Amino acid sequence: MYTGKEDPLSHLKYFEMQIDLQGVRGDVCCRVFLATLSEAAQQWYFKLAPRKISSWKSFSSEFHAQFSSSRQLPLDLGDLVKVNQRLGEPLRAYINRFMMEATKVSRVTEDRKLSPILGGIEVLSELWKDIGRTDQ
């Protein structure tokens, strides 16, 4: 369901993919799309002027324009430096969160992720304590 807070382009692409699998074409999409809306997005749909929309293409453009402020902007490598391990956060949870954020960065290689992920580890974490120990 699209509430108006999510990325409208992602919602449109997902909807078009699903509707294509069902074999629905043309202007019928405009009516079916209502079933994917809730909250503010649904209210917007109901306030559209009658006969304002003449095709799926014009409808999807109108939808995107209305909710474009909710669009997620792609991250760059510098944004990964801001992802830090939270105080008391388990290392595994931090790595999972970091890797999730890294998927939002375009064209980032595994090598380029290494420095930001290591730099974000909590300094006094168990990992750094283990690294500092010497075997006797």
C-alpha atoms as a PDB file:
ATOM      1  CA  MET A   1       0.000   0.000   0.000  1.00  0.00           C
ATOM      2  CA  TYR A   2       1.222   3.465  -0.840  1.00  0.00           C
ATOM      3  CA  THR A   3       0.549   6.055   1.881  1.00  0.00           C
ATOM      4  CA  GLY A   4       2.234   9.073   0.291  1.00  0.00           C
ATOM      5  CA  LYS A   5       5.393   8.790   2.364  1.00  0.00           C
ATOM      6  CA  GLU A   6       7.237   6.236   0.232  1.00  0.00           C
ATOM      7  CA  ASP A   7       9.069   6.648  -3.055  1.00  0.00           C
ATOM      8  CA  PRO A   8       6.349   7.117  -5.707  1.00  0.00           C
ATOM      9  CA  LEU A   9       8.562   5.945  -8.559  1.00  0.00           C
ATOM     10  CA  SER A  10       9.275   2.642  -6.800  1.00  0.00           C
ATOM     11  CA  HIS A  11       5.561   2.153  -6.182  1.00  0.00           C
ATOM     12  CA  LEU A  12       4.704   2.892  -9.818  1.00  0.00           C
ATOM     13  CA  LYS A  13       7.354   0.488 -11.117  1.00  0.00           C
ATOM     14  CA  TYR A  14       6.211  -2.279  -8.777  1.00  0.00           C
ATOM     15  CA  PHE A  15       2.557  -1.704  -9.696  1.00  0.00           C
ATOM     16  CA  GLU A  16       3.298  -1.742 -13.428  1.00  0.00           C
ATOM     17  CA  MET A  17       5.267  -4.959 -13.056  1.00  0.00           C
ATOM     18  CA  GLN A  18       2.422  -6.641 -11.142  1.00  0.00           C
ATOM     19  CA  ILE A  19      -0.300  -5.367 -13.462  1.00  0.00           C
ATOM     20  CA  ASP A  20       1.667  -6.511 -16.512  1.00  0.00           C
ATOM     21  CA  LEU A  21       1.863 -10.025 -15.058  1.00  0.00           C
ATOM     22  CA  GLN A  22      -1.930  -9.966 -14.707  1.00  0.00           C
ATOM     23  CA  GLY A  23      -2.355  -8.877 -18.326  1.00  0.00           C
ATOM     24  CA  VAL A  24      -4.166  -5.645 -17.457  1.00  0.00           C
ATOM     25  CA  ARG A  25      -3.561  -2.892 -19.969  1.00  0.00           C
ATOM     26  CA  GLY A  26      -4.514   0.686 -20.705  1.00  0.00           C
ATOM     27  CA  ASP A  27      -6.774   2.946 -18.742  1.00  0.00           C
ATOM     28  CA  VAL A  28      -8.065   0.137 -16.501  1.00  0.00           C
ATOM     29  CA  CYS A  29      -4.793   0.555 -14.606  1.00  0.00           C
ATOM     30  CA  CYS A  30      -6.013   3.921 -13.296  1.00  0.00           C
ATOM     31  CA  ARG A  31      -8.961   2.306 -11.526  1.00  0.00           C
ATOM     32  CA  VAL A  32      -7.009  -0.717 -10.282  1.00  0.00           C
ATOM     33  CA  PHE A  33      -4.287   1.570  -8.902  1.00  0.00           C
ATOM     34  CA  LEU A  34      -6.736   2.836  -6.246  1.00  0.00           C
ATOM     35  CA  ALA A  35      -6.502  -0.571  -4.528  1.00  0.00           C
ATOM     36  CA  THR A  36      -2.802   0.109  -3.829  1.00  0.00           C
ATOM     37  CA  LEU A  37      -3.376   3.455  -2.098  1.00  0.00           C
ATOM     38  CA  SER A  38      -4.106   4.360   1.513  1.00  0.00           C
ATOM     39  CA  GLU A  39      -4.072   7.408   3.772  1.00  0.00           C
ATOM     40  CA  ALA A  40      -3.027  10.666   2.056  1.00  0.00           C
ATOM     41  CA  ALA A  41      -2.497   8.993  -1.312  1.00  0.00           C
ATOM     42  CA  GLN A  42      -6.033   7.658  -1.325  1.00  0.00           C
ATOM     43  CA  GLN A  43      -7.404  11.073  -0.383  1.00  0.00           C
ATOM     44  CA  TRP A  44      -5.479  12.609  -3.285  1.00  0.00           C
ATOM     45  CA  TYR A  45      -7.010  10.074  -5.666  1.00  0.00           C
ATOM     46  CA  PHE A  46     -10.545  10.859  -4.522  1.00  0.00           C
ATOM     47  CA  LYS A  47      -9.957  14.610  -4.980  1.00  0.00           C
ATOM     48  CA  LEU A  48      -8.940  14.293  -8.629  1.00  0.00           C
ATOM     49  CA  ALA A  49     -11.277  16.226 -10.892  1.00  0.00           C
ATOM     50  CA  PRO A  50     -13.620  13.982 -12.911  1.00  0.00           C
ATOM     51  CA  ARG A  51     -12.306  13.275 -16.408  1.00  0.00           C
ATOM     52  CA  LYS A  52      -9.010  15.042 -15.619  1.00  0.00           C
ATOM     53  CA  ILE A  53      -7.049  11.883 -16.380  1.00  0.00           C
ATOM     54  CA  SER A  54      -7.283  10.533 -19.908  1.00  0.00           C
ATOM     55  CA  SER A  55      -4.676   7.755 -19.882  1.00  0.00           C
ATOM     56  CA  TRP A  56      -2.441   5.670 -17.628  1.00  0.00           C
ATOM     57  CA  LYS A  57       0.546   7.689 -18.801  1.00  0.00           C
ATOM     58  CA  SER A  58      -1.007  10.995 -17.731  1.00  0.00           C
ATOM     59  CA  PHE A  59      -2.246   9.452 -14.476  1.00  0.00           C
ATOM     60  CA  SER A  60       1.160   8.045 -13.535  1.00  0.00           C
ATOM     61  CA  SER A  61       2.782  11.411 -14.347  1.00  0.00           C
ATOM     62  CA  GLU A  62       0.240  13.199 -12.152  1.00  0.00           C
ATOM     63  CA  PHE A  63       0.808  10.698  -9.322  1.00  0.00           C
ATOM     64  CA  HIS A  64       4.578  11.056  -9.540  1.00  0.00           C
ATOM     65  CA  ALA A  65       4.370  14.852  -9.588  1.00  0.00           C
ATOM     66  CA  GLN A  66       2.079  14.880  -6.551  1.00  0.00           C
ATOM     67  CA  PHE A  67       4.308  12.678  -4.409  1.00  0.00           C
ATOM     68  CA  SER A  68       7.752  13.495  -5.828  1.00  0.00           C
ATOM     69  CA  SER A  69       8.830  15.108  -2.548  1.00  0.00           C
ATOM     70  CA  SER A  70       8.734  11.611  -1.012  1.00  0.00           C
ATOM     71  CA  ARG A  71      11.166  10.286  -3.606  1.00  0.00           C
ATOM     72  CA  GLN A  72      14.265   8.670  -2.163  1.00  0.00           C
ATOM     73  CA  LEU A  73      17.430  10.231  -3.498  1.00  0.00           C
ATOM     74  CA  PRO A  74      20.301   7.891  -4.288  1.00  0.00           C
ATOM     75  CA  LEU A  75      23.110   7.865  -1.753  1.00  0.00           C
ATOM     76  CA  ASP A  76      26.771   8.292  -2.556  1.00  0.00           C
ATOM     77  CA  LEU A  77      29.807   6.744  -0.923  1.00  0.00           C
ATOM     78  CA  GLY A  78      30.164   9.695   1.456  1.00  0.00           C
ATOM     79  CA  ASP A  79      26.776   8.859   2.964  1.00  0.00           C
ATOM     80  CA  LEU A  80      28.083   5.460   4.081  1.00  0.00           C
ATOM     81  CA  VAL A  81      30.648   7.167   6.307  1.00  0.00           C
ATOM     82  CA  LYS A  82      27.707   8.479   8.365  1.00  0.00           C
ATOM     83  CA  VAL A  83      26.493   4.939   9.136  1.00  0.00           C
ATOM     84  CA  ASN A  84      28.032   4.143  12.512  1.00  0.00           C
ATOM     85  CA  GLN A  85      27.589   1.363  15.006  1.00  0.00           C
ATOM     86  CA  ARG A  86      25.258   2.546  17.742  1.00  0.00           C
ATOM     87  CA  LEU A  87      26.287   2.321  21.373  1.00  0.00           C
ATOM     88  CA  GLY A  88      25.671  -1.257  22.468  1.00  0.00           C
ATOM     89  CA  GLU A  89      24.545  -2.383  19.003  1.00  0.00           C
ATOM     90  CA  PRO A  90      25.753  -5.905  18.205  1.00  0.00           C
ATOM     91  CA  LEU A  91      28.330  -6.028  15.423  1.00  0.00           C
ATOM     92  CA  ARG A  92      26.134  -8.307  13.313  1.00  0.00           C
ATOM     93  CA  ALA A  93      23.226  -5.825  13.510  1.00  0.00           C
ATOM     94  CA  TYR A  94      25.537  -2.960  12.536  1.00  0.00           C
ATOM     95  CA  ILE A  95      26.930  -4.867   9.551  1.00  0.00           C
ATOM     96  CA  ASN A  96      23.410  -5.781   8.389  1.00  0.00           C
ATOM     97  CA  ARG A  97      22.296  -2.148   8.686  1.00  0.00           C
ATOM     98  CA  PHE A  98      25.427  -0.920   6.902  1.00  0.00           C
ATOM     99  CA  MET A  99      24.994  -3.398   4.048  1.00  0.00           C
ATOM    100  CA  MET A 100      21.333  -2.397   3.679  1.00  0.00           C
ATOM    101  CA  GLU A 101      22.372   1.247   3.326  1.00  0.00           C
ATOM    102  CA  ALA A 102      25.154   0.262   0.922  1.00  0.00           C
ATOM    103  CA  THR A 103      22.575  -1.210  -1.468  1.00  0.00           C
ATOM    104  CA  LYS A 104      21.227   2.339  -1.906  1.00  0.00           C
ATOM    105  CA  VAL A 105      24.591   3.597  -3.174  1.00  0.00           C
ATOM    106  CA  SER A 106      25.036   3.411  -6.910  1.00  0.00           C
ATOM    107  CA  ARG A 107      28.145   1.809  -8.358  1.00  0.00           C
ATOM    108  CA  VAL A 108      29.948   1.048  -5.096  1.00  0.00           C
ATOM    109  CA  THR A 109      32.449  -1.812  -5.098  1.00  0.00           C
ATOM    110  CA  GLU A 110      33.204  -4.133  -2.201  1.00  0.00           C
ATOM    111  CA  ASP A 111      36.656  -2.534  -1.843  1.00  0.00           C
ATOM    112  CA  ARG A 112      35.149   0.920  -1.424  1.00  0.00           C
ATOM    113  CA  LYS A 113      32.820  -0.312   1.357  1.00  0.00           C
ATOM    114  CA  LEU A 114      35.689  -1.523   3.550  1.00  0.00           C
ATOM    115  CA  SER A 115      36.909   1.807   4.901  1.00  0.00           C
ATOM    116  CA  PRO A 116      33.444   3.188   5.819  1.00  0.00           C
ATOM    117  CA  ILE A 117      32.307  -0.043   7.478  1.00  0.00           C
ATOM    118  CA  LEU A 118      35.465  -0.320   9.602  1.00  0.00           C
ATOM    119  CA  GLY A 119      35.346   3.375  10.443  1.00  0.00           C
ATOM    120  CA  GLY A 120      31.793   3.025  11.717  1.00  0.00           C
ATOM    121  CA  ILE A 121      32.509   0.324  14.290  1.00  0.00           C
ATOM    122  CA  GLU A 122      32.108   1.482  17.878  1.00  0.00           C
ATOM    123  CA  VAL A 123      35.631   2.161  19.184  1.00  0.00           C
ATOM    124  CA  LEU A 124      35.205   0.391  22.516  1.00  0.00           C
ATOM    125  CA  SER A 125      33.289  -2.539  21.055  1.00  0.00           C
ATOM    126  CA  GLU A 126      34.084  -6.167  21.775  1.00  0.00           C
ATOM    127  CA  LEU A 127      35.684  -6.472  18.316  1.00  0.00           C
ATOM    128  CA  TRP A 128      38.321  -3.846  19.071  1.00  0.00           C
ATOM    129  CA  LYS A 129      38.924  -5.362  22.508  1.00  0.00           C
ATOM    130  CA  ASP A 130      39.477  -8.762  20.883  1.00  0.00           C
ATOM    131  CA  ILE A 131      41.847  -7.278  18.302  1.00  0.00           C
ATOM    132  CA  GLY A 132      43.853  -5.595  21.075  1.00  0.00           C
ATOM    133  CA  ARG A 133      44.367  -8.842  23.029  1.00  0.00           C
ATOM    134  CA  THR A 134      47.507 -10.860  22.554  1.00  0.00           C
ATOM    135  CA  ASP A 135      47.641 -14.631  22.812  1.00  0.00           C
ATOM    136  CA  GLN A 136      49.788 -15.965  25.612  1.00  0.00           C
END
